[in-house]
Amino acid sequence: MIAGKEIIKTNSRKVFNIMKQTQHYSFSELQGFTLLENTELCLALIQLLQEGKITQYKDESGIYYALN
């Protein structure tokens, strides 16, 4: 079952608050800090990307997420 919009927004706030602590995170790091399942974290990241609060980039080590 896909989470409702309010749950997605709550999870995205949780992710955003954690991301204030350092410059960038991998998906697995965020998952470890938030304890969100794959789908929940993906939806939260999509929400933050759509709101323009975070960016996603790739380097030789993998994909990372950072605050704008």
Protein backbone atom coordinates (compact mmCIF):
# COMPACT_ATOMS: atom_id res chain seq x y z
CA MET A 1 0.00 0.00 0.00
CA ILE A 2 1.35 3.43 -0.95
CA ALA A 3 1.55 5.95 1.88
CA GLY A 4 -0.92 8.82 1.92
CA LYS A 5 0.18 12.37 1.10
CA GLU A 6 0.32 13.40 4.77
CA ILE A 7 2.53 10.45 5.66
CA ILE A 8 4.82 11.29 2.73
CA LYS A 9 5.07 14.90 3.94
CA THR A 10 5.78 13.75 7.51
CA ASN A 11 8.50 11.40 6.28
CA SER A 12 9.99 14.09 4.05
CA ARG A 13 10.23 16.47 7.03
CA LYS A 14 11.97 13.71 8.98
CA VAL A 15 14.48 13.18 6.17
CA PHE A 16 15.02 16.94 5.71
CA ASN A 17 15.70 17.47 9.41
CA ILE A 18 18.28 14.68 9.44
CA MET A 19 19.93 16.08 6.31
CA LYS A 20 20.60 19.38 8.11
CA GLN A 21 23.38 17.61 10.05
CA THR A 22 25.90 17.14 7.22
CA GLN A 23 26.53 17.91 3.56
CA HIS A 24 25.32 14.82 1.72
CA TYR A 25 23.92 11.33 2.22
CA SER A 26 23.57 8.12 0.28
CA PHE A 27 20.24 6.33 0.15
CA SER A 28 21.46 3.64 2.54
CA GLU A 29 22.74 6.24 5.02
CA LEU A 30 19.37 8.00 5.00
CA GLN A 31 17.60 4.70 5.41
CA GLY A 32 19.75 3.87 8.43
CA PHE A 33 19.07 7.23 10.09
CA THR A 34 15.34 7.39 9.33
CA LEU A 35 14.46 3.69 9.61
CA LEU A 36 12.10 4.15 6.66
CA GLU A 37 11.42 1.31 4.23
CA ASN A 38 12.60 1.65 0.60
CA THR A 39 9.27 2.91 -0.76
CA GLU A 40 8.69 5.33 2.11
CA LEU A 41 12.16 6.84 1.72
CA CYS A 42 11.84 7.05 -2.07
CA LEU A 43 8.54 8.92 -1.77
CA ALA A 44 9.97 11.27 0.86
CA LEU A 45 13.00 12.02 -1.35
CA ILE A 46 10.77 12.61 -4.37
CA GLN A 47 8.68 15.03 -2.30
CA LEU A 48 11.80 16.94 -1.23
CA LEU A 49 13.13 17.00 -4.80
CA GLN A 50 9.80 18.35 -6.10
CA GLU A 51 9.79 21.03 -3.41
CA GLY A 52 13.32 22.05 -4.43
CA LYS A 53 14.70 21.41 -0.94
CA ILE A 54 17.30 18.83 -1.96
CA THR A 55 19.36 17.89 -4.98
CA GLN A 56 20.42 14.49 -6.22
CA TYR A 57 23.82 13.90 -7.80
CA LYS A 58 26.05 11.04 -8.81
CA ASP A 59 29.79 10.65 -8.42
CA GLU A 60 32.18 7.73 -8.73
CA SER A 61 30.98 6.34 -5.37
CA GLY A 62 27.24 6.41 -6.11
CA ILE A 63 24.15 8.59 -5.87
CA TYR A 64 23.87 11.18 -3.11
CA TYR A 65 21.30 13.62 -1.79
CA ALA A 66 22.16 17.09 -0.45
CA LEU A 67 20.31 20.16 0.77
CA ASN A 68 19.91 23.02 -1.68
